[in-house]
């Protein structure tokens, strides 16, 4: 009677059934699970414990854990029968259903980075999820080892249950965060204010400077007070600079910046270095019909009017000057308010003489010729 009763108590288990059990023993390559009411114990091979790579079974479960698994095979032996179980298949099936729902609703998920592999990151989403390197970040990252163990917010990029394929995207999360940050930054930027920035990119026409998560353009004409041929001559990527905000277009997300306007102008400190009457070296920068523009310091150019170029009459400055020529100039006037400097070249030179002036000096030679002696020939034919 008792024996018949015990037989009736045994649960009939078929392949494909889902069973619940308790981890009884952990071996290196498999786990033994006690299934209450079952004819045999269950065995879960290490490969069927999790979709992630593990070297030992104890990395996935512990003795006493209650787990659920699918029955994949029944080895019915009178003395040593057992069920072959797969926790991995059950987890993956359940996870796919959950991920499918989130994918359809465009929801995000949280997952821990379990491995850094060639080409990307492996994360645990109930099954093996993969983040390709191109979908990890908006920034270029050479070494992804810092992501090991990090919890990431992700979007589901691709989901294929048949191929057991789950592709995830973290870059999209960063892009949304950056977009929100840009919008906030643009709203808070004040035209005319001076802020800190960092050179992000360099082009032939200027440099893009990042200020608070958004990039603004510094045109080449706004980099320095003096003429600049190449942006690389003044800036390099990563350089920290101060910039003045010239304009902000929130809709187009365009910002115009100036570095030179954030720096003291050359005319602001001109009185510390120059004063009227000084004679200094200068460089001819360009010529015009009315005179020549001469640079006496970086960003400081003054005009030498054509009348101040030479003691002799000239019709055009190009007759005696050329761009790039070094000349001495005298500062005639400084107009700080209008940022104008009047210069003279001829004021630094003595005027030539038509005759030897030493003839006029009679202080030390009694025999020196008189004015009559000097000009006698000029008056000899003069009739009174």
Protein backbone atom coordinates (compact mmCIF):
# COMPACT_ATOMS: atom_id res chain seq x y z
CA UNK A 1 0.00 0.00 0.00
CA UNK A 2 2.81 2.38 0.96
CA UNK A 3 4.81 1.54 -2.14
CA UNK A 4 1.77 2.26 -4.32
CA UNK A 5 1.29 5.57 -2.52
CA UNK A 6 4.89 6.65 -3.18
CA UNK A 7 4.60 5.92 -6.87
CA UNK A 8 1.55 8.13 -7.09
CA UNK A 9 3.48 10.97 -5.44
CA UNK A 10 6.07 11.11 -8.23
CA UNK A 11 5.55 14.02 -10.61
CA UNK A 12 5.56 13.08 -14.28
CA UNK A 13 8.09 15.29 -16.08
CA UNK A 14 8.44 15.56 -19.86
CA UNK A 15 11.05 17.19 -22.14
CA UNK A 16 10.21 20.86 -22.60
CA UNK A 17 8.61 21.22 -19.18
CA UNK A 18 9.54 24.06 -16.89
CA UNK A 19 10.62 22.86 -13.44
CA UNK A 20 11.59 24.51 -10.19
CA UNK A 21 14.34 23.21 -7.95
CA UNK A 22 17.01 23.96 -5.37
CA UNK A 23 20.75 23.94 -6.04
CA UNK A 24 22.03 20.97 -4.07
CA UNK A 25 25.63 20.69 -5.21
CA UNK A 26 28.01 22.66 -7.43
CA UNK A 27 30.68 20.94 -9.50
CA UNK A 28 33.21 22.69 -11.75
CA UNK A 29 31.29 22.00 -14.95
CA UNK A 30 27.72 21.41 -13.79
CA UNK A 31 25.17 21.96 -11.03
CA UNK A 32 22.97 19.32 -9.34
CA UNK A 33 19.40 20.47 -8.64
CA UNK A 34 16.91 18.80 -6.34
CA UNK A 35 13.40 18.80 -7.82
CA UNK A 36 10.76 18.04 -5.23
CA UNK A 37 8.45 15.19 -6.26
CA UNK A 38 10.56 14.28 -9.30
CA UNK A 39 11.92 10.83 -10.03
CA UNK A 40 15.47 12.12 -10.57
CA UNK A 41 17.65 15.10 -9.73
CA UNK A 42 18.35 17.66 -12.41
CA UNK A 43 21.76 18.47 -13.88
CA UNK A 44 22.54 21.88 -15.42
CA UNK A 45 25.74 21.92 -17.49
CA UNK A 46 27.82 25.06 -17.01
CA UNK A 47 27.06 26.15 -20.59
CA UNK A 48 23.33 26.14 -19.75
CA UNK A 49 23.55 28.21 -16.58
CA UNK A 50 23.87 31.63 -18.23
CA UNK A 51 24.30 33.25 -21.62
CA UNK A 52 27.43 34.99 -20.34
CA UNK A 53 30.89 33.42 -20.37
CA UNK A 54 31.85 31.88 -17.02
CA UNK A 55 34.74 29.60 -16.05
CA UNK A 56 33.13 28.02 -13.00
CA UNK A 57 29.52 27.22 -12.19
CA UNK A 58 29.74 28.96 -8.83
CA UNK A 59 30.08 32.27 -10.69
CA UNK A 60 26.38 31.97 -11.63
CA UNK A 61 24.67 30.14 -8.71
CA UNK A 62 25.14 29.16 -5.08
CA UNK A 63 24.07 26.13 -3.05
CA UNK A 64 20.54 26.68 -1.78
CA UNK A 65 19.46 28.94 -4.66
CA UNK A 66 15.99 28.28 -5.99
CA UNK A 67 16.01 28.23 -9.76
CA UNK A 68 13.72 27.51 -12.66
CA UNK A 69 14.82 25.72 -15.84
CA UNK A 70 13.60 23.94 -18.93
CA UNK A 71 13.95 20.14 -19.21
CA UNK A 72 15.95 19.55 -22.40
CA UNK A 73 16.59 15.80 -22.03
CA UNK A 74 15.66 12.86 -19.80
CA UNK A 75 18.21 10.15 -19.13
CA UNK A 76 16.08 7.43 -17.51
CA UNK A 77 18.32 4.90 -15.82
CA UNK A 78 17.14 2.74 -12.97
CA UNK A 79 20.12 3.43 -10.75
CA UNK A 80 21.44 6.76 -12.10
CA UNK A 81 18.75 8.59 -14.03
CA UNK A 82 18.60 12.40 -14.23
CA UNK A 83 17.07 15.32 -16.08
CA UNK A 84 19.24 17.58 -18.21
CA UNK A 85 18.12 21.16 -17.52
CA UNK A 86 18.77 24.57 -19.09
CA UNK A 87 18.40 27.67 -16.95
CA UNK A 88 19.84 29.65 -19.82
CA UNK A 89 17.02 28.80 -22.25
CA UNK A 90 14.35 29.76 -19.74
CA UNK A 91 16.09 33.04 -18.83
CA UNK A 92 16.55 33.93 -22.48
CA UNK A 93 12.93 33.15 -23.32
CA UNK A 94 11.63 35.28 -20.45
CA UNK A 95 14.11 38.08 -21.16
CA UNK A 96 13.18 38.21 -24.82
CA UNK A 97 9.53 38.71 -23.94
CA UNK A 98 10.44 41.55 -21.60
CA UNK A 99 12.85 43.12 -24.09
CA UNK A 100 10.35 42.83 -26.92
CA UNK A 101 7.80 44.81 -24.93
CA UNK A 102 10.36 47.52 -24.09
CA UNK A 103 11.58 47.62 -27.70
CA UNK A 104 8.03 48.12 -29.02
CA UNK A 105 7.39 50.88 -26.48
CA UNK A 106 10.79 52.53 -27.15
CA UNK A 107 11.74 52.17 -23.47
CA UNK A 108 15.26 52.22 -22.11
CA UNK A 109 16.85 49.48 -20.00
CA UNK A 110 19.59 49.35 -17.38
CA UNK A 111 22.36 46.78 -17.70
CA UNK A 112 25.81 46.04 -16.26
CA UNK A 113 28.85 45.68 -18.49
CA UNK A 114 30.13 42.15 -17.95
CA UNK A 115 32.89 41.95 -20.55
CA UNK A 116 35.00 44.24 -22.70
CA UNK A 117 35.61 42.36 -25.95
CA UNK A 118 37.04 43.17 -29.34
CA UNK A 119 34.57 45.41 -31.10
CA UNK A 120 32.43 46.40 -28.15
CA UNK A 121 30.88 45.55 -24.79
CA UNK A 122 28.92 42.55 -23.50
CA UNK A 123 26.12 43.33 -21.02
CA UNK A 124 23.73 41.21 -18.97
CA UNK A 125 20.07 41.80 -19.90
CA UNK A 126 18.89 38.37 -18.82
CA UNK A 127 20.78 37.11 -21.85
CA UNK A 128 23.85 38.20 -23.71
CA UNK A 129 23.46 41.72 -25.03
CA UNK A 130 26.08 43.41 -27.22
CA UNK A 131 26.96 47.09 -27.65
CA UNK A 132 29.10 47.63 -30.79
CA UNK A 133 31.97 50.11 -30.38
CA UNK A 134 30.24 52.55 -32.74
CA UNK A 135 27.18 52.66 -30.44
CA UNK A 136 28.97 53.14 -27.11
CA UNK A 137 29.62 56.88 -27.02
CA UNK A 138 29.36 60.12 -28.97
CA UNK A 139 33.05 60.71 -28.25
CA UNK A 140 36.01 58.80 -29.64
CA UNK A 141 37.24 56.31 -27.04
CA UNK A 142 40.41 54.33 -27.64
CA UNK A 143 40.26 52.07 -24.58
CA UNK A 144 36.90 50.74 -23.32
CA UNK A 145 38.32 49.01 -20.24
CA UNK A 146 36.89 51.73 -17.95
CA UNK A 147 33.40 50.50 -18.85
CA UNK A 148 33.94 47.14 -17.13
CA UNK A 149 31.37 46.77 -14.33
CA UNK A 150 29.58 50.03 -15.16
CA UNK A 151 25.80 50.25 -15.16
CA UNK A 152 24.58 51.78 -18.43
CA UNK A 153 21.27 53.11 -19.65
CA UNK A 154 20.59 51.61 -23.07
CA UNK A 155 18.21 51.61 -26.00
CA UNK A 156 17.40 48.39 -27.85
CA UNK A 157 18.71 48.72 -31.38
CA UNK A 158 17.97 45.23 -32.72
CA UNK A 159 16.17 42.16 -31.34
CA UNK A 160 16.15 38.75 -33.07
CA UNK A 161 15.10 35.76 -30.96
CA UNK A 162 15.81 33.16 -33.64
CA UNK A 163 19.41 34.33 -33.97
CA UNK A 164 19.66 35.01 -30.24
CA UNK A 165 20.76 38.52 -31.17
CA UNK A 166 20.37 41.59 -28.95
CA UNK A 167 22.09 44.80 -30.11
CA UNK A 168 22.02 47.72 -27.71
CA UNK A 169 22.81 51.43 -28.03
CA UNK A 170 24.32 53.73 -25.40
CA UNK A 171 25.38 56.48 -27.81
CA UNK A 172 21.71 57.36 -28.47
CA UNK A 173 21.28 58.03 -24.75
CA UNK A 174 24.28 60.36 -24.74
CA UNK A 175 22.98 62.13 -27.84
CA UNK A 176 19.64 62.83 -26.16
CA UNK A 177 21.39 64.06 -23.02
CA UNK A 178 23.69 66.27 -25.08
CA UNK A 179 20.75 67.68 -27.04
CA UNK A 180 18.93 68.61 -23.85
CA UNK A 181 22.11 70.09 -22.44
CA UNK A 182 22.71 72.11 -25.64
CA UNK A 183 19.18 73.51 -25.55
CA UNK A 184 19.63 74.56 -21.93
CA UNK A 185 23.05 76.09 -22.62
CA UNK A 186 21.78 78.03 -25.65
CA UNK A 187 18.97 79.52 -23.58
CA UNK A 188 21.40 80.68 -20.90
CA UNK A 189 24.05 82.23 -23.18
CA UNK A 190 24.23 86.01 -22.99
CA UNK A 191 25.47 87.99 -25.98
CA UNK A 192 28.40 90.12 -24.93
CA UNK A 193 29.48 87.92 -22.04
CA UNK A 194 32.95 86.38 -21.83
CA UNK A 195 33.12 82.65 -21.04
CA UNK A 196 35.68 79.84 -20.88
CA UNK A 197 35.93 77.42 -23.79
CA UNK A 198 38.07 74.71 -25.34
CA UNK A 199 39.13 74.43 -28.99
CA UNK A 200 37.29 71.40 -30.41
CA UNK A 201 37.97 71.61 -34.15
CA UNK A 202 40.08 73.68 -36.52
CA UNK A 203 39.15 74.56 -40.11
CA UNK A 204 40.61 76.80 -42.80
CA UNK A 205 38.07 79.53 -41.96
CA UNK A 206 38.25 79.43 -38.17
CA UNK A 207 37.94 77.27 -35.06
CA UNK A 208 35.02 75.64 -33.26
CA UNK A 209 35.20 76.22 -29.51
CA UNK A 210 33.14 74.18 -27.04
CA UNK A 211 31.41 76.24 -24.36
CA UNK A 212 29.27 74.29 -21.92
CA UNK A 213 28.56 71.40 -24.25
CA UNK A 214 27.88 73.41 -27.42
CA UNK A 215 30.28 74.46 -30.16
CA UNK A 216 30.56 78.02 -31.40
CA UNK A 217 32.54 79.34 -34.37
CA UNK A 218 35.43 81.74 -33.97
CA UNK A 219 36.06 83.09 -37.47
CA UNK A 220 39.72 83.49 -38.40
CA UNK A 221 39.24 87.28 -38.35
CA UNK A 222 38.15 87.04 -34.69
CA UNK A 223 41.13 85.07 -33.37
CA UNK A 224 43.82 87.76 -32.96
CA UNK A 225 44.10 91.51 -33.29
CA UNK A 226 46.78 91.20 -35.96
CA UNK A 227 46.44 89.57 -39.36
CA UNK A 228 46.48 85.76 -39.25
CA UNK A 229 47.26 83.58 -42.28
CA UNK A 230 46.55 80.13 -40.73
CA UNK A 231 44.40 79.22 -37.73
CA UNK A 232 47.02 76.66 -36.65
CA UNK A 233 49.52 79.48 -36.14
CA UNK A 234 47.48 80.70 -33.15
CA UNK A 235 45.40 77.76 -31.88
CA UNK A 236 45.57 74.01 -31.32
CA UNK A 237 42.90 71.40 -30.51
CA UNK A 238 42.29 71.09 -26.79
CA UNK A 239 43.60 74.59 -26.03
CA UNK A 240 41.63 76.47 -23.37
CA UNK A 241 40.60 79.99 -24.37
CA UNK A 242 38.35 82.82 -23.27
CA UNK A 243 35.74 83.88 -25.82
CA UNK A 244 33.22 86.67 -26.15
CA UNK A 245 29.73 85.69 -27.34
CA UNK A 246 28.89 87.78 -30.42
CA UNK A 247 25.55 86.20 -31.40
CA UNK A 248 23.31 83.19 -30.64
CA UNK A 249 20.80 81.55 -33.00
CA UNK A 250 18.88 79.08 -30.81
CA UNK A 251 16.82 77.57 -33.64
CA UNK A 252 19.81 76.85 -35.89
CA UNK A 253 22.03 76.16 -32.83
CA UNK A 254 24.66 78.54 -34.16
CA UNK A 255 26.94 80.59 -31.96
CA UNK A 256 29.37 83.25 -33.14
CA UNK A 257 32.36 83.81 -30.86
CA UNK A 258 35.42 86.04 -30.68
CA UNK A 259 38.72 85.40 -28.97
CA UNK A 260 40.28 88.75 -29.77
CA UNK A 261 37.35 90.64 -28.22
CA UNK A 262 37.95 88.76 -24.98
CA UNK A 263 41.56 90.02 -24.91
CA UNK A 264 42.80 93.54 -24.17
CA UNK A 265 42.99 95.44 -27.48
CA UNK A 266 46.34 96.87 -28.53
CA UNK A 267 44.94 100.40 -28.21
CA UNK A 268 43.91 99.77 -24.60
CA UNK A 269 47.55 99.54 -23.55
CA UNK A 270 49.10 101.80 -26.19
CA UNK A 271 49.92 104.56 -23.70
CA UNK A 272 52.03 102.12 -21.70
CA UNK A 273 54.30 101.51 -24.67
CA UNK A 274 54.17 104.56 -26.95
CA UNK A 275 53.84 108.32 -26.74
CA UNK A 276 53.76 111.22 -29.19
CA UNK A 277 57.27 112.10 -30.36
CA UNK A 278 58.67 108.57 -30.11
CA UNK A 279 60.72 107.33 -33.05
CA UNK A 280 60.22 103.59 -33.54
CA UNK A 281 60.78 100.86 -36.09
CA UNK A 282 57.83 99.87 -38.22
CA UNK A 283 56.88 97.60 -41.09
CA UNK A 284 55.06 98.77 -44.19
CA UNK A 285 51.89 96.67 -44.36
CA UNK A 286 50.09 98.16 -47.36
CA UNK A 287 50.14 101.15 -49.66
CA UNK A 288 47.36 103.47 -50.75
CA UNK A 289 47.29 106.53 -53.02
CA UNK A 290 47.13 108.79 -49.98
CA UNK A 291 49.86 107.14 -47.93
CA UNK A 292 51.23 103.98 -46.29
CA UNK A 293 50.00 101.91 -43.35
CA UNK A 294 52.86 100.97 -41.05
CA UNK A 295 52.70 98.46 -38.18
CA UNK A 296 54.63 99.54 -35.09
CA UNK A 297 53.48 96.61 -32.89
CA UNK A 298 51.12 93.63 -33.21
CA UNK A 299 47.68 95.01 -33.99
CA UNK A 300 48.91 98.60 -34.04
CA UNK A 301 49.01 100.24 -37.47
CA UNK A 302 49.37 103.91 -38.16
CA UNK A 303 49.05 106.02 -41.31
CA UNK A 304 51.99 107.81 -42.86
CA UNK A 305 50.27 110.38 -45.06
CA UNK A 306 51.89 110.83 -48.47
CA UNK A 307 53.01 114.30 -47.37
CA UNK A 308 54.92 112.69 -44.45
CA UNK A 309 56.81 110.11 -46.48
CA UNK A 310 59.59 112.16 -48.04
CA UNK A 311 61.02 115.66 -48.08
CA UNK A 312 60.91 115.44 -51.84
CA UNK A 313 57.67 115.57 -53.77
CA UNK A 314 56.31 112.14 -54.72
CA UNK A 315 53.19 111.30 -56.73
CA UNK A 316 52.58 107.87 -55.20
CA UNK A 317 53.93 106.09 -52.06
CA UNK A 318 55.01 103.14 -54.21
CA UNK A 319 57.76 105.33 -55.69
CA UNK A 320 59.76 105.05 -52.45
CA UNK A 321 58.09 102.32 -50.37
CA UNK A 322 57.01 98.69 -50.75
CA UNK A 323 55.04 96.27 -48.50
CA UNK A 324 57.25 94.42 -46.02
CA UNK A 325 59.87 97.19 -45.92
CA UNK A 326 61.20 98.19 -42.51
CA UNK A 327 61.20 101.94 -41.83
CA UNK A 328 61.71 104.35 -38.96
CA UNK A 329 58.69 106.46 -38.10
CA UNK A 330 57.92 109.26 -35.69
CA UNK A 331 54.62 109.22 -33.82
CA UNK A 332 52.84 112.50 -34.55
CA UNK A 333 49.50 111.78 -32.87
CA UNK A 334 47.66 109.01 -30.97
CA UNK A 335 43.84 108.97 -31.00
CA UNK A 336 42.96 106.19 -28.58
CA UNK A 337 39.20 106.66 -28.87
CA UNK A 338 39.12 106.37 -32.67
CA UNK A 339 42.07 103.93 -32.68
CA UNK A 340 44.13 106.02 -35.07
CA UNK A 341 47.85 106.78 -35.16
CA UNK A 342 49.49 109.46 -37.29
CA UNK A 343 53.08 108.70 -38.29
CA UNK A 344 55.86 110.40 -40.24
CA UNK A 345 58.87 109.00 -42.01
CA UNK A 346 60.32 112.28 -43.16
CA UNK A 347 60.32 113.63 -39.59
CA UNK A 348 63.00 111.06 -38.78
CA UNK A 349 65.24 112.27 -41.63
CA UNK A 350 67.19 115.52 -42.04
CA UNK A 351 66.31 117.65 -45.02
CA UNK A 352 68.98 117.75 -47.75
CA UNK A 353 70.91 121.03 -48.49
CA UNK A 354 71.68 122.62 -51.86
CA UNK A 355 75.08 123.94 -50.69
CA UNK A 356 77.74 123.32 -48.09
CA UNK A 357 76.52 125.09 -44.95
CA UNK A 358 80.08 125.15 -43.58
CA UNK A 359 80.68 128.16 -45.79
CA UNK A 360 78.39 130.13 -43.51
CA UNK A 361 80.52 129.46 -40.43
CA UNK A 362 83.09 132.32 -40.03
CA UNK A 363 83.72 131.99 -36.33
CA UNK A 364 87.04 130.16 -36.56
CA UNK A 365 88.62 131.35 -39.82
CA UNK A 366 89.31 134.94 -40.68
CA UNK A 367 90.03 133.96 -44.25
CA UNK A 368 86.66 132.28 -44.68
CA UNK A 369 84.80 133.51 -47.79
CA UNK A 370 82.02 136.01 -47.36
CA UNK A 371 78.54 135.74 -48.81
CA UNK A 372 79.69 137.99 -51.58
CA UNK A 373 82.45 135.55 -52.40
CA UNK A 374 80.04 132.67 -52.47
CA UNK A 375 77.38 134.32 -54.65
CA UNK A 376 79.60 136.72 -56.68
CA UNK A 377 79.20 134.81 -59.92
CA UNK A 378 75.45 134.81 -59.55
CA UNK A 379 75.28 138.63 -59.46
CA UNK A 380 77.98 139.55 -61.94
CA UNK A 381 75.61 139.96 -64.88
CA UNK A 382 72.96 141.72 -62.85
CA UNK A 383 72.34 145.26 -64.12
CA UNK A 384 71.08 147.87 -61.76
